[in-house]
Amino acid sequence: CLGPDGRIFFGKANEYRISVVDRELKPLRVLSRKVPSVKISGEERKKYNDQMPPDIVAAAKFPDAKPPVEGLYCDSAGYLLVDRAVASGAKAALLDVYRSDGSFLGELSLPGLRSRPVFDKDTILMRVTSGKEMPALIRYRLE
């Protein structure tokens, strides 16, 4: 994601390691955490394989675990929200929050769909599904 000051945040697929660079791509810092791996379920593997041509499925090595980071979101104040992998069927999103100076603020477990959150300063908006399967929007405040 692109921070309000032009910093760029990007990660590696196979580990929780987020690089931060400036506009000239000069490295500024690396954010990393040890987080438990999330296994890919047989149902997820089948769903993927069913969508791909058989020759691709035969040639590809499917990983045992999901990438630990599934999304990066920046807000207008420079905070970073890291959307972490969760197990298949999980009822909550798992999010890490970093201050603009790169310090770790905390980990959040928020009920809701794994949809792209809207994140700005002290507020996270996420789409959720009610008990009657009706979509709704929930606002979370960070304090």
C-alpha atoms as a PDB file:
ATOM      1  CA  CYS A   1       0.000   0.000   0.000  1.00  0.00           C
ATOM      2  CA  LEU A   2       1.021   3.605  -0.391  1.00  0.00           C
ATOM      3  CA  GLY A   3       1.238   5.743   2.749  1.00  0.00           C
ATOM      4  CA  PRO A   4       0.168   9.409   2.803  1.00  0.00           C
ATOM      5  CA  ASP A   5       3.809  10.521   2.911  1.00  0.00           C
ATOM      6  CA  GLY A   6       4.766   8.444  -0.130  1.00  0.00           C
ATOM      7  CA  ARG A   7       6.150   5.458   1.768  1.00  0.00           C
ATOM      8  CA  ILE A   8       5.495   2.124   0.061  1.00  0.00           C
ATOM      9  CA  PHE A   9       4.703  -1.017   2.070  1.00  0.00           C
ATOM     10  CA  PHE A  10       5.070  -4.450   0.479  1.00  0.00           C
ATOM     11  CA  GLY A  11       5.554  -7.997   1.697  1.00  0.00           C
ATOM     12  CA  LYS A  12       6.866 -11.419   0.836  1.00  0.00           C
ATOM     13  CA  ALA A  13       4.375 -14.174   0.115  1.00  0.00           C
ATOM     14  CA  ASN A  14       5.855 -16.885   2.318  1.00  0.00           C
ATOM     15  CA  GLU A  15       6.632 -14.963   5.536  1.00  0.00           C
ATOM     16  CA  TYR A  16       5.408 -12.132   7.714  1.00  0.00           C
ATOM     17  CA  ARG A  17       7.951  -9.588   6.535  1.00  0.00           C
ATOM     18  CA  ILE A  18       6.844  -6.156   5.359  1.00  0.00           C
ATOM     19  CA  SER A  19       9.383  -3.848   3.764  1.00  0.00           C
ATOM     20  CA  VAL A  20       8.940  -0.091   3.933  1.00  0.00           C
ATOM     21  CA  VAL A  21      10.653   2.081   1.331  1.00  0.00           C
ATOM     22  CA  ASP A  22      10.530   5.781   0.483  1.00  0.00           C
ATOM     23  CA  ARG A  23       9.525   7.345  -2.825  1.00  0.00           C
ATOM     24  CA  GLU A  24      13.004   6.727  -4.254  1.00  0.00           C
ATOM     25  CA  LEU A  25      12.715   3.046  -3.155  1.00  0.00           C
ATOM     26  CA  LYS A  26      15.355   3.546  -0.429  1.00  0.00           C
ATOM     27  CA  PRO A  27      14.768   0.990   2.358  1.00  0.00           C
ATOM     28  CA  LEU A  28      13.505   2.549   5.599  1.00  0.00           C
ATOM     29  CA  ARG A  29      12.620  -0.434   7.788  1.00  0.00           C
ATOM     30  CA  VAL A  30      11.307  -3.985   7.872  1.00  0.00           C
ATOM     31  CA  LEU A  31       8.313  -5.010   9.967  1.00  0.00           C
ATOM     32  CA  SER A  32       8.163  -8.668  10.948  1.00  0.00           C
ATOM     33  CA  ARG A  33       6.420 -10.867  13.489  1.00  0.00           C
ATOM     34  CA  LYS A  34       6.382 -14.519  14.334  1.00  0.00           C
ATOM     35  CA  VAL A  35       2.845 -15.732  13.755  1.00  0.00           C
ATOM     36  CA  PRO A  36       1.495 -19.285  13.656  1.00  0.00           C
ATOM     37  CA  SER A  37       1.146 -20.797  10.218  1.00  0.00           C
ATOM     38  CA  VAL A  38      -2.384 -21.358   8.911  1.00  0.00           C
ATOM     39  CA  LYS A  39      -2.821 -24.699   7.170  1.00  0.00           C
ATOM     40  CA  ILE A  40      -4.693 -24.886   3.885  1.00  0.00           C
ATOM     41  CA  SER A  41      -7.719 -27.131   4.268  1.00  0.00           C
ATOM     42  CA  GLY A  42      -8.568 -29.982   1.923  1.00  0.00           C
ATOM     43  CA  GLU A  43     -11.713 -28.074   0.932  1.00  0.00           C
ATOM     44  CA  GLU A  44      -9.671 -24.992  -0.048  1.00  0.00           C
ATOM     45  CA  ARG A  45      -7.225 -27.139  -1.995  1.00  0.00           C
ATOM     46  CA  LYS A  46     -10.074 -28.857  -3.860  1.00  0.00           C
ATOM     47  CA  LYS A  47     -11.775 -25.532  -4.644  1.00  0.00           C
ATOM     48  CA  TYR A  48      -8.528 -24.189  -6.133  1.00  0.00           C
ATOM     49  CA  ASN A  49      -7.812 -27.370  -8.093  1.00  0.00           C
ATOM     50  CA  ASP A  50     -11.367 -27.455  -9.484  1.00  0.00           C
ATOM     51  CA  GLN A  51     -10.885 -23.948 -10.921  1.00  0.00           C
ATOM     52  CA  MET A  52      -7.573 -24.683 -12.656  1.00  0.00           C
ATOM     53  CA  PRO A  53      -6.820 -26.672 -15.817  1.00  0.00           C
ATOM     54  CA  PRO A  54      -5.642 -30.223 -15.000  1.00  0.00           C
ATOM     55  CA  ASP A  55      -2.187 -29.677 -16.540  1.00  0.00           C
ATOM     56  CA  ILE A  56      -1.606 -26.678 -14.245  1.00  0.00           C
ATOM     57  CA  VAL A  57      -2.771 -28.656 -11.200  1.00  0.00           C
ATOM     58  CA  ALA A  58      -0.401 -31.503 -12.118  1.00  0.00           C
ATOM     59  CA  ALA A  59       2.568 -29.162 -12.598  1.00  0.00           C
ATOM     60  CA  ALA A  60       2.029 -26.933  -9.553  1.00  0.00           C
ATOM     61  CA  LYS A  61       3.148 -27.687  -6.021  1.00  0.00           C
ATOM     62  CA  PHE A  62       0.367 -26.538  -3.735  1.00  0.00           C
ATOM     63  CA  PRO A  63       1.689 -25.133  -0.426  1.00  0.00           C
ATOM     64  CA  ASP A  64       0.719 -26.622   2.930  1.00  0.00           C
ATOM     65  CA  ALA A  65       0.111 -23.222   4.537  1.00  0.00           C
ATOM     66  CA  LYS A  66      -1.382 -19.899   3.503  1.00  0.00           C
ATOM     67  CA  PRO A  67       0.765 -16.798   3.128  1.00  0.00           C
ATOM     68  CA  PRO A  68       0.694 -15.163   6.596  1.00  0.00           C
ATOM     69  CA  VAL A  69      -0.211 -11.726   5.201  1.00  0.00           C
ATOM     70  CA  GLU A  70      -3.254 -11.430   2.949  1.00  0.00           C
ATOM     71  CA  GLY A  71      -3.464  -7.657   2.660  1.00  0.00           C
ATOM     72  CA  LEU A  72      -1.871  -4.348   3.594  1.00  0.00           C
ATOM     73  CA  TYR A  73      -3.914  -1.170   4.099  1.00  0.00           C
ATOM     74  CA  CYS A  74      -2.648   2.333   4.836  1.00  0.00           C
ATOM     75  CA  ASP A  75      -4.660   5.183   6.279  1.00  0.00           C
ATOM     76  CA  SER A  76      -4.379   8.946   5.929  1.00  0.00           C
ATOM     77  CA  ALA A  77      -2.448   9.280   9.226  1.00  0.00           C
ATOM     78  CA  GLY A  78       0.260   6.775   8.232  1.00  0.00           C
ATOM     79  CA  TYR A  79      -0.986   3.791  10.209  1.00  0.00           C
ATOM     80  CA  LEU A  80      -0.652   0.341   8.648  1.00  0.00           C
ATOM     81  CA  LEU A  81      -3.264  -2.399   8.933  1.00  0.00           C
ATOM     82  CA  VAL A  82      -2.024  -5.931   8.193  1.00  0.00           C
ATOM     83  CA  ASP A  83      -4.741  -8.443   7.248  1.00  0.00           C
ATOM     84  CA  ARG A  84      -3.495 -11.863   8.407  1.00  0.00           C
ATOM     85  CA  ALA A  85      -4.434 -15.300   7.137  1.00  0.00           C
ATOM     86  CA  VAL A  86      -7.086 -17.192   9.071  1.00  0.00           C
ATOM     87  CA  ALA A  87      -8.282 -20.792   8.921  1.00  0.00           C
ATOM     88  CA  SER A  88     -10.983 -21.798   6.465  1.00  0.00           C
ATOM     89  CA  GLY A  89     -14.411 -21.032   7.896  1.00  0.00           C
ATOM     90  CA  ALA A  90     -13.108 -18.563  10.490  1.00  0.00           C
ATOM     91  CA  LYS A  91     -15.759 -16.130  11.655  1.00  0.00           C
ATOM     92  CA  ALA A  92     -13.323 -13.292  12.376  1.00  0.00           C
ATOM     93  CA  ALA A  93     -10.642 -11.355  10.571  1.00  0.00           C
ATOM     94  CA  LEU A  94      -7.232 -11.132  12.262  1.00  0.00           C
ATOM     95  CA  LEU A  95      -5.570  -7.738  11.880  1.00  0.00           C
ATOM     96  CA  ASP A  96      -2.310  -6.214  13.107  1.00  0.00           C
ATOM     97  CA  VAL A  97      -1.983  -2.440  13.501  1.00  0.00           C
ATOM     98  CA  TYR A  98       1.277  -0.473  13.249  1.00  0.00           C
ATOM     99  CA  ARG A  99       1.831   3.203  14.045  1.00  0.00           C
ATOM    100  CA  SER A 100       3.348   5.493  11.424  1.00  0.00           C
ATOM    101  CA  ASP A 101       6.776   5.131  13.115  1.00  0.00           C
ATOM    102  CA  GLY A 102       6.635   1.346  12.524  1.00  0.00           C
ATOM    103  CA  SER A 103       5.950   0.378  16.140  1.00  0.00           C
ATOM    104  CA  PHE A 104       3.450  -2.414  16.701  1.00  0.00           C
ATOM    105  CA  LEU A 105       0.211  -1.115  18.224  1.00  0.00           C
ATOM    106  CA  GLY A 106      -1.672  -4.386  18.618  1.00  0.00           C
ATOM    107  CA  GLU A 107      -3.553  -7.336  17.193  1.00  0.00           C
ATOM    108  CA  LEU A 108      -7.298  -7.287  16.576  1.00  0.00           C
ATOM    109  CA  SER A 109      -9.748 -10.116  16.037  1.00  0.00           C
ATOM    110  CA  LEU A 110     -12.819  -8.635  14.361  1.00  0.00           C
ATOM    111  CA  PRO A 111     -15.934 -10.584  13.416  1.00  0.00           C
ATOM    112  CA  GLY A 112     -16.765 -10.146   9.778  1.00  0.00           C
ATOM    113  CA  LEU A 113     -16.134 -11.274   6.260  1.00  0.00           C
ATOM    114  CA  ARG A 114     -12.675 -11.299   4.750  1.00  0.00           C
ATOM    115  CA  SER A 115     -13.518  -8.283   2.676  1.00  0.00           C
ATOM    116  CA  ARG A 116     -11.230  -5.350   2.089  1.00  0.00           C
ATOM    117  CA  PRO A 117     -11.573  -3.137   5.180  1.00  0.00           C
ATOM    118  CA  VAL A 118     -11.829   0.615   4.984  1.00  0.00           C
ATOM    119  CA  PHE A 119      -9.253   2.012   7.398  1.00  0.00           C
ATOM    120  CA  ASP A 120      -8.757   5.633   8.399  1.00  0.00           C
ATOM    121  CA  LYS A 121      -7.000   6.935  11.514  1.00  0.00           C
ATOM    122  CA  ASP A 122      -8.855   5.406  14.460  1.00  0.00           C
ATOM    123  CA  THR A 123     -11.679   3.725  12.535  1.00  0.00           C
ATOM    124  CA  ILE A 124     -12.019   0.408  10.690  1.00  0.00           C
ATOM    125  CA  LEU A 125     -15.127  -0.309   8.632  1.00  0.00           C
ATOM    126  CA  MET A 126     -15.806  -3.934   7.689  1.00  0.00           C
ATOM    127  CA  ARG A 127     -18.621  -5.659   5.888  1.00  0.00           C
ATOM    128  CA  VAL A 128     -20.220  -8.406   7.944  1.00  0.00           C
ATOM    129  CA  THR A 129     -23.122 -10.794   7.514  1.00  0.00           C
ATOM    130  CA  SER A 130     -25.932 -10.877  10.056  1.00  0.00           C
ATOM    131  CA  GLY A 131     -27.488 -14.034  11.453  1.00  0.00           C
ATOM    132  CA  LYS A 132     -30.091 -13.770   8.692  1.00  0.00           C
ATOM    133  CA  GLU A 133     -27.346 -13.559   6.049  1.00  0.00           C
ATOM    134  CA  MET A 134     -27.973  -9.859   5.481  1.00  0.00           C
ATOM    135  CA  PRO A 135     -24.937  -7.695   4.721  1.00  0.00           C
ATOM    136  CA  ALA A 136     -24.149  -4.916   7.181  1.00  0.00           C
ATOM    137  CA  LEU A 137     -21.340  -2.462   7.868  1.00  0.00           C
ATOM    138  CA  ILE A 138     -19.695  -2.360  11.280  1.00  0.00           C
ATOM    139  CA  ARG A 139     -17.526   0.474  12.544  1.00  0.00           C
ATOM    140  CA  TYR A 140     -14.672  -0.342  14.933  1.00  0.00           C
ATOM    141  CA  ARG A 141     -12.812   2.404  16.778  1.00  0.00           C
ATOM    142  CA  LEU A 142      -9.159   1.978  17.743  1.00  0.00           C
ATOM    143  CA  GLU A 143      -8.300   3.498  21.107  1.00  0.00           C
END
